[in-house]
Each structure stands twice: as structure tokens, then as C-alpha cells.
Protein backbone atom coordinates (compact mmCIF):
# COMPACT_ATOMS: atom_id res chain seq x y z
CA MET A 1 -0.46 0.92 21.29
CA ILE A 2 -1.48 4.71 21.43
CA GLU A 3 2.23 5.46 21.68
CA ASN A 4 3.05 3.61 18.19
CA LYS A 5 0.13 5.46 16.46
CA ILE A 6 1.60 8.86 17.43
CA ILE A 7 5.27 7.72 16.25
CA GLN A 8 3.83 6.30 13.26
CA LYS A 9 1.67 9.89 12.56
CA ASN A 10 4.51 11.58 13.21
CA PHE A 11 6.76 9.61 10.94
CA TYR A 12 4.53 10.05 7.98
CA ASN A 13 3.68 14.01 8.36
CA LYS A 14 7.59 14.60 8.54
CA HIS A 15 7.96 12.17 5.37
CA PHE A 16 5.38 13.85 3.36
CA SER A 17 6.22 17.36 4.57
CA LYS A 18 9.70 16.70 2.72
CA GLU A 19 7.79 15.40 -0.53
CA SER A 20 6.95 18.22 -3.63
CA SER A 21 3.70 17.52 -5.32
CA ARG A 22 3.76 15.38 -7.85
CA SER A 23 3.23 16.34 -11.82
CA ASP A 24 1.04 14.51 -14.15
CA ALA A 25 4.44 13.50 -15.37
CA CYS A 26 5.54 12.05 -12.08
CA PHE A 27 2.39 9.65 -12.04
CA ASP A 28 2.86 8.74 -15.73
CA ALA A 29 6.13 6.99 -14.53
CA GLY A 30 4.03 4.36 -12.76
CA LYS A 31 1.48 3.73 -15.31
CA LYS A 32 2.56 0.45 -16.30
CA TYR A 33 2.53 -1.14 -13.41
CA TYR A 34 -0.15 0.38 -11.48
CA LEU A 35 -2.73 1.34 -13.91
CA ASP A 36 -2.63 -1.84 -16.74
CA ASN A 37 -1.68 -4.59 -13.85
CA PHE A 38 -2.67 -3.96 -10.68
CA ILE A 39 -5.44 -1.31 -10.57
CA SER A 40 -7.17 -3.36 -13.71
CA SER A 41 -7.02 -6.59 -11.89
CA VAL A 42 -8.62 -5.27 -8.74
CA ILE A 43 -11.15 -2.78 -10.19
CA ARG A 44 -13.58 -4.27 -12.20
CA PRO A 45 -15.62 -2.50 -15.23
CA ASP A 46 -18.88 -2.54 -12.82
CA SER A 47 -17.13 -1.37 -9.57
CA LYS A 48 -18.95 1.65 -8.32
CA LYS A 49 -17.51 2.57 -4.82
CA VAL A 50 -13.88 1.92 -3.81
CA LEU A 51 -11.73 2.49 -0.87
CA GLU A 52 -8.15 3.35 -0.87
CA ILE A 53 -6.21 2.34 2.58
CA GLY A 54 -3.15 4.44 2.95
CA CYS A 55 -3.44 6.77 0.11
CA GLY A 56 -0.41 9.30 0.75
CA ASN A 57 -0.35 12.40 -1.33
CA GLY A 58 -2.04 10.31 -3.92
CA PHE A 59 0.20 7.97 -6.17
CA LEU A 60 -2.66 5.30 -6.58
CA THR A 61 -5.37 7.78 -6.26
CA TYR A 62 -4.32 9.36 -9.56
CA PHE A 63 -5.00 5.93 -11.43
CA ILE A 64 -7.67 4.96 -9.72
CA LEU A 65 -9.76 8.14 -10.34
CA LYS A 66 -9.22 7.24 -14.00
CA ARG A 67 -12.16 4.82 -13.77
CA PRO A 68 -15.84 5.59 -13.39
CA ILE A 69 -16.34 4.97 -9.45
CA HIS A 70 -16.33 6.89 -6.33
CA LEU A 71 -13.54 6.64 -4.01
CA THR A 72 -12.93 7.01 -0.24
CA ALA A 73 -9.20 7.83 0.39
CA ILE A 74 -7.81 7.49 4.17
CA ASP A 75 -4.35 8.38 5.48
CA ILE A 76 -2.97 8.49 9.09
CA SER A 77 -0.74 11.49 8.00
CA GLU A 78 -2.47 15.15 8.06
CA ILE A 79 -0.04 16.34 5.88
CA ALA A 80 -0.54 13.94 3.16
CA ILE A 81 -4.09 14.44 3.28
CA GLU A 82 -3.71 18.19 2.51
CA SER A 83 -1.54 17.69 -0.18
CA MET A 84 -4.05 15.74 -1.71
CA LYS A 85 -6.78 17.67 -1.22
CA LYS A 86 -4.68 20.50 -3.43
CA ILE A 87 -3.77 18.16 -5.80
CA PHE A 88 -6.87 16.55 -6.44
CA ALA A 89 -9.18 19.77 -5.82
CA HIS A 90 -11.20 19.06 -8.88
CA GLU A 91 -12.39 15.71 -8.37
CA ILE A 92 -12.90 16.41 -4.95
CA GLU A 93 -15.34 19.38 -6.40
CA GLN A 94 -17.02 17.03 -8.76
CA GLY A 95 -17.95 14.70 -5.98
CA LYS A 96 -15.77 11.74 -7.33
CA LEU A 97 -13.06 11.83 -4.48
CA ASP A 98 -13.70 11.91 -0.55
CA SER A 99 -10.10 11.97 1.50
CA LYS A 100 -10.16 11.59 5.12
CA CYS A 101 -7.18 11.52 7.73
CA ALA A 102 -7.56 8.41 9.60
CA ASP A 103 -5.85 5.37 11.01
CA ILE A 104 -7.07 2.17 8.61
CA LEU A 105 -7.95 -0.20 11.08
CA GLU A 106 -10.44 2.63 13.23
CA PHE A 107 -11.58 3.71 9.79
CA MET A 108 -12.73 0.38 9.00
CA GLU A 109 -14.37 -0.50 12.41
CA SER A 110 -16.12 2.93 12.30
CA THR A 111 -17.51 3.22 8.80
CA ASP A 112 -20.86 1.78 7.32
CA GLY A 113 -19.80 1.87 3.89
CA LYS A 114 -19.61 -1.21 1.68
CA TYR A 115 -17.02 -1.15 -1.20
CA ASP A 116 -16.68 -2.91 -4.62
CA ALA A 117 -12.70 -2.80 -4.03
CA ILE A 118 -10.18 -2.01 -1.22
CA ILE A 119 -6.93 -1.29 -2.52
CA GLY A 120 -3.87 -0.01 -1.13
CA SER A 121 -0.20 0.62 -2.16
CA GLY A 122 2.59 -0.93 0.07
CA ILE A 123 0.61 -0.42 3.41
CA ILE A 124 0.74 -4.14 4.89
CA HIS A 125 4.00 -4.33 5.75
CA HIS A 126 3.41 -0.86 7.83
CA ILE A 127 0.78 -2.35 9.95
CA GLN A 128 1.71 -4.84 12.72
CA LYS A 129 1.83 -8.61 12.16
CA LYS A 130 -0.46 -9.25 15.35
CA ASP A 131 -3.30 -6.69 13.16
CA TRP A 132 -3.26 -8.63 10.16
CA LYS A 133 -6.03 -10.78 10.66
CA LYS A 134 -7.73 -7.97 11.96
CA LEU A 135 -7.34 -5.86 8.79
CA PHE A 136 -8.37 -8.85 6.56
CA GLU A 137 -11.44 -9.31 8.59
CA LEU A 138 -12.47 -5.88 8.38
CA ALA A 139 -11.42 -5.60 5.01
CA HIS A 140 -13.72 -8.75 4.12
CA ASN A 141 -16.68 -7.42 6.02
CA LYS A 142 -16.52 -3.99 4.28
CA LEU A 143 -16.69 -5.54 0.77
CA ASN A 144 -19.60 -6.26 -1.43
CA HIS A 145 -20.27 -9.90 -2.49
CA GLY A 146 -17.64 -10.50 -5.09
CA GLY A 147 -15.78 -7.62 -4.22
CA ILE A 148 -11.68 -7.43 -4.16
CA PHE A 149 -9.20 -6.52 -1.48
CA ALA A 150 -5.40 -6.29 -2.95
CA CYS A 151 -2.34 -4.54 -1.60
CA GLY A 152 1.07 -4.15 -3.42
CA PRO A 153 3.68 -3.81 -3.88
CA GLU A 154 4.79 -5.26 -0.53
CA PRO A 155 8.25 -6.15 0.57
CA ASN A 156 8.77 -10.12 0.28
CA ALA A 157 10.84 -10.81 2.84
CA GLY A 158 11.18 -14.41 1.90
CA GLY A 159 12.89 -13.63 -1.48
CA LEU A 160 15.90 -10.97 -2.24
CA TYR A 161 13.89 -8.27 -0.37
CA ALA A 162 15.89 -10.02 3.03
CA PHE A 163 19.01 -9.14 1.74
CA ILE A 164 18.82 -5.59 0.75
CA TRP A 165 16.52 -4.61 3.44
CA PRO A 166 19.69 -4.21 5.99
CA MET A 167 21.52 -2.04 3.30
CA ALA A 168 18.51 -0.10 2.71
CA LYS A 169 18.06 0.50 6.36
CA PHE A 170 21.40 1.90 6.38
CA PHE A 171 21.01 4.19 3.86
CA TYR A 172 17.72 5.65 5.00
CA SER A 173 19.38 6.09 8.56
CA LEU A 174 21.85 8.67 6.71
CA PHE A 175 18.83 10.53 5.90
CA GLY A 176 17.48 10.54 9.21
CA ILE A 177 14.85 8.08 8.39
CA ASP A 178 14.55 5.54 11.17
CA TYR A 179 12.11 2.62 10.07
CA ASP A 180 12.87 0.61 13.49
CA ARG A 181 11.35 3.53 15.43
CA GLU A 182 8.16 3.79 12.90
CA VAL A 183 6.25 0.87 14.50
CA GLU A 184 6.59 -2.17 17.02
CA LYS A 185 8.65 -5.20 16.26
CA GLY A 186 7.33 -7.40 13.51
CA THR A 187 5.99 -4.85 11.14
CA PHE A 188 8.33 -5.94 8.07
CA ASP A 189 7.74 -9.90 8.74
CA MET A 190 6.23 -10.33 5.21
CA ILE A 191 6.44 -14.12 4.41
CA PRO A 192 4.07 -14.89 1.72
CA ARG A 193 2.79 -18.55 3.19
CA LYS A 194 1.62 -16.38 6.23
CA LEU A 195 -0.10 -13.68 4.62
CA LYS A 196 -1.96 -16.27 2.56
CA SER A 197 -2.94 -18.17 5.55
CA VAL A 198 -4.49 -15.23 7.36
CA LEU A 199 -6.15 -14.00 4.26
CA LYS A 200 -8.01 -17.60 4.38
CA GLU A 201 -8.79 -17.40 7.98
CA ALA A 202 -10.18 -13.92 7.00
CA GLY A 203 -12.83 -15.50 4.86
CA PHE A 204 -11.10 -14.68 1.44
CA ARG A 205 -11.92 -16.71 -1.40
CA ASN A 206 -8.74 -17.75 -3.52
CA PRO A 207 -6.07 -15.75 -1.66
CA GLU A 208 -3.19 -15.05 -3.72
CA ILE A 209 0.33 -13.87 -3.25
CA ILE A 210 1.69 -12.52 -6.63
CA PRO A 211 5.39 -12.05 -7.43
CA TYR A 212 5.98 -8.42 -8.45
CA GLN A 213 9.16 -8.56 -10.52
CA VAL A 214 10.37 -4.99 -9.94
CA ILE A 215 13.78 -3.79 -8.48
CA PRO A 216 13.05 -0.25 -7.27
CA HIS A 217 15.44 2.45 -8.69
CA PHE A 218 16.71 3.38 -5.38
CA HIS A 219 17.87 -0.36 -4.26
CA LEU A 220 19.21 -0.42 -7.84
CA LYS A 221 21.72 1.92 -6.57
CA ILE A 222 22.29 0.15 -3.45
CA LEU A 223 23.40 -3.09 -5.09
CA GLU A 224 25.55 -1.19 -7.39
CA TYR A 225 27.24 0.91 -4.57
CA PHE A 226 28.00 -2.65 -3.01
CA GLY A 227 29.09 -4.30 -6.60
CA LYS A 228 26.87 -6.67 -6.77
CA LYS A 229 25.33 -7.96 -10.09
CA ILE A 230 22.10 -6.45 -10.93
CA ILE A 231 19.05 -8.88 -10.88
CA LYS A 232 16.60 -7.86 -13.10
CA HIS A 233 14.50 -11.19 -13.60
CA VAL A 234 14.52 -13.52 -10.71
CA PRO A 235 11.95 -16.43 -9.85
CA GLY A 236 8.60 -15.68 -8.35
CA LYS A 237 9.60 -16.78 -4.83
CA LEU A 238 12.80 -14.70 -4.56
CA SER A 239 11.08 -11.25 -5.93
CA PHE A 240 11.68 -8.23 -4.26
CA TYR A 241 7.80 -7.55 -3.79
CA ILE A 242 4.27 -9.64 -3.83
CA ILE A 243 0.57 -8.42 -4.08
CA ILE A 244 -1.52 -9.44 -1.76
CA LYS A 245 -5.14 -10.57 -3.21
CA GLY A 246 -8.30 -11.92 -2.32
CA GLU A 247 -11.89 -12.14 -3.54
CA LYS A 248 -15.02 -11.76 -1.05
CA ARG A 249 -17.24 -15.34 -1.00
């Protein structure tokens, strides 16, 4: 387990060390999906404290901070957090943002904080399947009554992602990215019915698995390379991505 965390941390430190600082223009490119559709459904107008898990260097953070809330953002990568501190130095100085380098499960086990929303972008598929229930239970425990936990978009292994992922792994390997070494076996098992069941077991009311009808630009390139027809609209069960959402009773 400890070895696996070291592998994960090294993987993401390497990943974020190659990323350039994001500009406002880069952030604005995702506004339609992240700001209008996703964040607005998770962070209510009366929310005051929000926890962002797996924040990276701040793509989702940018939109969350548009709201009048206090945000705690965590990530396992020191490099990502250092980059984030530079990008959001003004928000940190204002007291709107507190960023920490920490493992998600360890942080949620140790913190005394309570939140009105816990949110993440593409996090669950990087967590081992055996830890899903633990994560969901911790999230449920750290939410105030009526608070919402949501992560997305997440790969839908029950849909078209199952077709494209083997090809994506091959292309990633050309750039020295070995996803099979990121975490232990079982991480990328993202079948919606399993997730919904685990959310219920953790105590969430009306858990939802919401189709997210987006095909990433890089994956479109892979489809084009192999001469496949590009699918812009597919039924929910076949969607490339899903959003995982639950409300605390």
C-alpha cells in the first residue's frame, strides 16, 4: 500500500512537472461544462465551505473560486500544489483558498472540518476499487446535512470508454506514461451500477450516475487515426464519461 502511494505521488509529480501554467483563456475553454453544468449543481448558493479533492494545479479550482465560498483544495502531488499556489496567490492571500499536499483518504480521516460540498474532477478512477466505499463513507461523514459529494467526469467502463482505453494507453505509452504502474490492479473498473451501489452503502441519498456526453479531443484524434467514425451523441449507457453524485441525508 505504501509502495503504491509512492508510485502514485511520483507519477503525478512527473505529470504536473511537464504541464505549463494555465492561463485564463485555457480555463475559459471548459467553462460550459465545468461552470454551468457541473459546479452549479454541486455548490449551492448558500454553500460556505467546499473541499476539492485531487485539485491538480487548479483547473476546477478556477471555477469553484468564482463563488463566494472558502475552498480547501488537496492533491497528492507537491509539484501540483506549488504550481497552484503561484496561480492562485491572490486568492490564498485573501483567505479564500487553502491548498494542501495530502493523500485524499488520509486527509479526510484526519481533518475535523465539515463541508457543504466535496467535489473532484476525474478522481475516482485513480482510487483503488477496494477503497471506494471508504472514500464515500469519509465524504459522507465530512459533509454537513444536505451537502453534496460529486466527482466527474469519470471514465465509463461500461460504455465506449472500454473500447477507446486500450488504444489510449498505447498512445500514452509513446510519451512515457505507464498507467499500469500508476496504481494497483482494479483502479480503472468504473462500472456505473457498482458505483451507485457503493454510494448507497456509504449512506448517500438518491445517488446519481449521470452520463457526461463528451468525447475528449485527444481521444477523437485516436478514433480518427484508426479510421473510425466519430460519435458525437451516444445513449447515456454508452457515454464516454459519467458524473458521480450523492447527497447527505
